[in-house]
Amino acid sequence: MQNEIFFRKIRDKIKKELNPEHISIIDNSDLHFKHKFFDPKKFHLKLEIKSKKLKSMKKIDAHKAIFSILKDELNTSIHALEIEIK
């Protein structure tokens, strides 16, 4: 339940700033539990975002925009973030 609230917060922040057509958040944290610096309190996430706005940008700029939107979460709750723009 706690994770769903966190994922909803991420989804809402991205929607507010970028108004994408679709967002999927996939929690891949369980795939990384054997890594040396694994922290069970931080997420390994994959974002799949369908967005005409992001698709029209250079990939680096689109990723920077998302990192900027999620900067607080990246500092506190997200260890790794994979981004796929469709």
N, C-alpha and C. Protein backbone atom coordinates (compact mmCIF):
# COMPACT_ATOMS: atom_id res chain seq x y z
N MET A 1 0.82 -1.20 0.00
CA MET A 1 0.00 0.00 0.00
C MET A 1 0.87 1.27 0.00
N GLN A 2 1.91 1.25 0.82
CA GLN A 2 2.82 2.40 0.89
C GLN A 2 3.48 2.66 -0.45
N ASN A 3 3.87 1.58 -1.14
CA ASN A 3 4.49 1.72 -2.46
C ASN A 3 3.53 2.35 -3.45
N GLU A 4 2.28 1.95 -3.42
CA GLU A 4 1.29 2.50 -4.36
C GLU A 4 1.12 4.00 -4.16
N ILE A 5 1.15 4.45 -2.94
CA ILE A 5 1.05 5.89 -2.65
C ILE A 5 2.26 6.61 -3.23
N PHE A 6 3.42 6.03 -3.05
CA PHE A 6 4.65 6.63 -3.59
C PHE A 6 4.61 6.66 -5.12
N PHE A 7 4.19 5.57 -5.74
CA PHE A 7 4.11 5.51 -7.20
C PHE A 7 3.08 6.49 -7.74
N ARG A 8 1.98 6.66 -7.03
CA ARG A 8 0.96 7.63 -7.44
C ARG A 8 1.53 9.05 -7.38
N LYS A 9 2.33 9.33 -6.36
CA LYS A 9 2.96 10.64 -6.23
C LYS A 9 3.88 10.92 -7.43
N ILE A 10 4.68 9.92 -7.80
CA ILE A 10 5.57 10.06 -8.96
C ILE A 10 4.74 10.31 -10.22
N ARG A 11 3.72 9.50 -10.42
CA ARG A 11 2.86 9.62 -11.60
C ARG A 11 2.22 11.01 -11.66
N ASP A 12 1.73 11.49 -10.53
CA ASP A 12 1.07 12.80 -10.49
C ASP A 12 2.04 13.94 -10.80
N LYS A 13 3.25 13.85 -10.28
CA LYS A 13 4.25 14.90 -10.54
C LYS A 13 4.60 14.96 -12.02
N ILE A 14 4.79 13.80 -12.63
CA ILE A 14 5.13 13.77 -14.06
C ILE A 14 3.95 14.26 -14.90
N LYS A 15 2.75 13.83 -14.55
CA LYS A 15 1.55 14.28 -15.29
C LYS A 15 1.39 15.79 -15.21
N LYS A 16 1.61 16.35 -14.03
CA LYS A 16 1.45 17.78 -13.83
C LYS A 16 2.41 18.58 -14.71
N GLU A 17 3.65 18.12 -14.81
CA GLU A 17 4.68 18.85 -15.55
C GLU A 17 4.68 18.57 -17.05
N LEU A 18 4.40 17.32 -17.43
CA LEU A 18 4.59 16.93 -18.83
C LEU A 18 3.33 16.51 -19.57
N ASN A 19 2.28 16.23 -18.84
CA ASN A 19 1.00 15.80 -19.42
C ASN A 19 1.19 14.69 -20.47
N PRO A 20 1.83 13.58 -20.09
CA PRO A 20 2.05 12.49 -21.05
C PRO A 20 0.76 11.73 -21.34
N GLU A 21 0.76 11.01 -22.43
CA GLU A 21 -0.41 10.22 -22.79
C GLU A 21 -0.54 8.98 -21.89
N HIS A 22 0.60 8.46 -21.42
CA HIS A 22 0.57 7.25 -20.59
C HIS A 22 1.86 7.15 -19.77
N ILE A 23 1.75 6.63 -18.55
CA ILE A 23 2.90 6.37 -17.69
C ILE A 23 2.74 5.00 -17.05
N SER A 24 3.77 4.19 -17.13
CA SER A 24 3.83 2.93 -16.38
C SER A 24 5.04 2.99 -15.47
N ILE A 25 4.85 2.57 -14.24
CA ILE A 25 5.96 2.49 -13.29
C ILE A 25 6.14 1.03 -12.92
N ILE A 26 7.34 0.53 -13.17
CA ILE A 26 7.64 -0.86 -12.89
C ILE A 26 8.71 -0.90 -11.80
N ASP A 27 8.40 -1.61 -10.73
CA ASP A 27 9.32 -1.74 -9.61
C ASP A 27 10.22 -2.96 -9.83
N ASN A 28 11.48 -2.71 -10.15
CA ASN A 28 12.45 -3.78 -10.37
C ASN A 28 13.37 -3.98 -9.18
N SER A 29 13.00 -3.48 -8.03
CA SER A 29 13.85 -3.55 -6.85
C SER A 29 14.23 -4.98 -6.49
N ASP A 30 13.30 -5.90 -6.63
CA ASP A 30 13.56 -7.28 -6.24
C ASP A 30 14.62 -7.95 -7.13
N LEU A 31 14.91 -7.36 -8.27
CA LEU A 31 15.94 -7.91 -9.16
C LEU A 31 17.35 -7.49 -8.72
N HIS A 32 17.44 -6.59 -7.77
CA HIS A 32 18.73 -6.02 -7.37
C HIS A 32 19.13 -6.33 -5.93
N PHE A 33 18.39 -7.18 -5.24
CA PHE A 33 18.63 -7.39 -3.81
C PHE A 33 20.00 -7.99 -3.50
N LYS A 34 20.66 -8.61 -4.47
CA LYS A 34 21.98 -9.20 -4.22
C LYS A 34 23.12 -8.21 -4.50
N HIS A 35 22.80 -7.03 -4.99
CA HIS A 35 23.84 -6.05 -5.29
C HIS A 35 24.49 -5.55 -4.00
N LYS A 36 25.74 -5.20 -4.10
CA LYS A 36 26.54 -4.81 -2.93
C LYS A 36 25.92 -3.67 -2.14
N PHE A 37 25.43 -2.64 -2.83
CA PHE A 37 24.90 -1.46 -2.14
C PHE A 37 23.37 -1.43 -2.12
N PHE A 38 22.75 -2.59 -2.21
CA PHE A 38 21.29 -2.65 -2.20
C PHE A 38 20.75 -2.10 -0.89
N ASP A 39 19.75 -1.23 -1.01
CA ASP A 39 19.08 -0.65 0.16
C ASP A 39 17.59 -0.94 0.02
N PRO A 40 17.03 -1.76 0.90
CA PRO A 40 15.61 -2.12 0.77
C PRO A 40 14.65 -0.93 0.93
N LYS A 41 15.18 0.21 1.38
CA LYS A 41 14.34 1.39 1.54
C LYS A 41 14.31 2.26 0.28
N LYS A 42 15.11 1.87 -0.74
CA LYS A 42 15.16 2.63 -1.99
C LYS A 42 14.75 1.75 -3.16
N PHE A 43 14.12 2.39 -4.14
CA PHE A 43 13.57 1.67 -5.28
C PHE A 43 14.51 1.66 -6.49
N HIS A 44 14.39 0.60 -7.27
CA HIS A 44 14.95 0.51 -8.62
C HIS A 44 13.73 0.52 -9.53
N LEU A 45 13.50 1.61 -10.23
CA LEU A 45 12.28 1.76 -11.02
C LEU A 45 12.56 1.89 -12.51
N LYS A 46 11.58 1.46 -13.28
CA LYS A 46 11.57 1.69 -14.71
C LYS A 46 10.32 2.50 -15.03
N LEU A 47 10.50 3.61 -15.72
CA LEU A 47 9.38 4.42 -16.18
C LEU A 47 9.22 4.20 -17.66
N GLU A 48 8.02 3.85 -18.07
CA GLU A 48 7.67 3.80 -19.49
C GLU A 48 6.69 4.94 -19.71
N ILE A 49 7.11 5.90 -20.50
CA ILE A 49 6.31 7.10 -20.68
C ILE A 49 6.01 7.31 -22.16
N LYS A 50 4.73 7.41 -22.47
CA LYS A 50 4.34 7.76 -23.83
C LYS A 50 4.02 9.25 -23.81
N SER A 51 4.85 10.01 -24.53
CA SER A 51 4.71 11.45 -24.51
C SER A 51 5.21 12.06 -25.82
N LYS A 52 4.34 12.75 -26.50
CA LYS A 52 4.74 13.45 -27.73
C LYS A 52 5.76 14.53 -27.40
N LYS A 53 5.56 15.20 -26.27
CA LYS A 53 6.47 16.27 -25.86
C LYS A 53 7.88 15.73 -25.63
N LEU A 54 8.00 14.65 -24.85
CA LEU A 54 9.31 14.07 -24.57
C LEU A 54 9.93 13.46 -25.82
N LYS A 55 9.11 12.85 -26.65
CA LYS A 55 9.60 12.21 -27.87
C LYS A 55 10.20 13.24 -28.83
N SER A 56 9.68 14.47 -28.78
CA SER A 56 10.17 15.51 -29.68
C SER A 56 11.49 16.13 -29.19
N MET A 57 11.87 15.82 -27.96
CA MET A 57 13.09 16.37 -27.38
C MET A 57 14.27 15.43 -27.65
N LYS A 58 15.49 15.96 -27.53
CA LYS A 58 16.66 15.09 -27.53
C LYS A 58 16.55 14.18 -26.31
N LYS A 59 17.01 12.96 -26.46
CA LYS A 59 16.89 11.98 -25.38
C LYS A 59 17.49 12.50 -24.07
N ILE A 60 18.65 13.11 -24.14
CA ILE A 60 19.31 13.62 -22.93
C ILE A 60 18.47 14.70 -22.26
N ASP A 61 17.85 15.56 -23.06
CA ASP A 61 17.02 16.63 -22.50
C ASP A 61 15.74 16.08 -21.89
N ALA A 62 15.17 15.06 -22.52
CA ALA A 62 13.96 14.42 -21.98
C ALA A 62 14.27 13.77 -20.63
N HIS A 63 15.40 13.09 -20.55
CA HIS A 63 15.80 12.44 -19.30
C HIS A 63 16.10 13.49 -18.22
N LYS A 64 16.75 14.57 -18.60
CA LYS A 64 17.02 15.65 -17.64
C LYS A 64 15.72 16.23 -17.09
N ALA A 65 14.72 16.37 -17.96
CA ALA A 65 13.43 16.91 -17.52
C ALA A 65 12.80 16.00 -16.47
N ILE A 66 12.85 14.70 -16.70
CA ILE A 66 12.27 13.75 -15.75
C ILE A 66 13.07 13.73 -14.45
N PHE A 67 14.40 13.73 -14.56
CA PHE A 67 15.24 13.77 -13.35
C PHE A 67 14.98 15.03 -12.54
N SER A 68 14.75 16.14 -13.21
CA SER A 68 14.47 17.39 -12.53
C SER A 68 13.13 17.31 -11.77
N ILE A 69 12.14 16.74 -12.41
CA ILE A 69 10.82 16.59 -11.77
C ILE A 69 10.91 15.69 -10.54
N LEU A 70 11.73 14.67 -10.62
CA LEU A 70 11.82 13.67 -9.54
C LEU A 70 13.06 13.84 -8.67
N LYS A 71 13.64 15.04 -8.66
CA LYS A 71 14.91 15.23 -7.94
C LYS A 71 14.80 14.90 -6.45
N ASP A 72 13.72 15.26 -5.80
CA ASP A 72 13.57 14.95 -4.37
C ASP A 72 13.51 13.45 -4.13
N GLU A 73 12.73 12.76 -4.96
CA GLU A 73 12.59 11.31 -4.82
C GLU A 73 13.91 10.60 -5.13
N LEU A 74 14.66 11.12 -6.10
CA LEU A 74 15.96 10.53 -6.43
C LEU A 74 16.95 10.70 -5.28
N ASN A 75 16.82 11.76 -4.52
CA ASN A 75 17.70 11.99 -3.38
C ASN A 75 17.32 11.17 -2.15
N THR A 76 16.07 10.74 -2.07
CA THR A 76 15.61 10.08 -0.86
C THR A 76 15.13 8.65 -1.04
N SER A 77 14.42 8.35 -2.13
CA SER A 77 13.71 7.08 -2.22
C SER A 77 14.00 6.23 -3.45
N ILE A 78 14.64 6.81 -4.45
CA ILE A 78 14.93 6.07 -5.68
C ILE A 78 16.44 5.91 -5.83
N HIS A 79 16.87 4.66 -5.91
CA HIS A 79 18.30 4.37 -6.10
C HIS A 79 18.66 4.38 -7.59
N ALA A 80 17.78 3.79 -8.42
CA ALA A 80 18.04 3.70 -9.86
C ALA A 80 16.75 3.96 -10.62
N LEU A 81 16.90 4.66 -11.75
CA LEU A 81 15.74 5.01 -12.56
C LEU A 81 16.06 4.76 -14.03
N GLU A 82 15.35 3.81 -14.61
CA GLU A 82 15.46 3.52 -16.04
C GLU A 82 14.27 4.20 -16.72
N ILE A 83 14.52 4.88 -17.82
CA ILE A 83 13.47 5.63 -18.50
C ILE A 83 13.35 5.15 -19.94
N GLU A 84 12.13 4.80 -20.33
CA GLU A 84 11.85 4.44 -21.72
C GLU A 84 10.77 5.39 -22.22
N ILE A 85 11.10 6.14 -23.27
CA ILE A 85 10.16 7.11 -23.83
C ILE A 85 9.63 6.54 -25.13
N LYS A 86 8.32 6.51 -25.23
CA LYS A 86 7.67 5.95 -26.43
C LYS A 86 6.94 7.03 -27.19
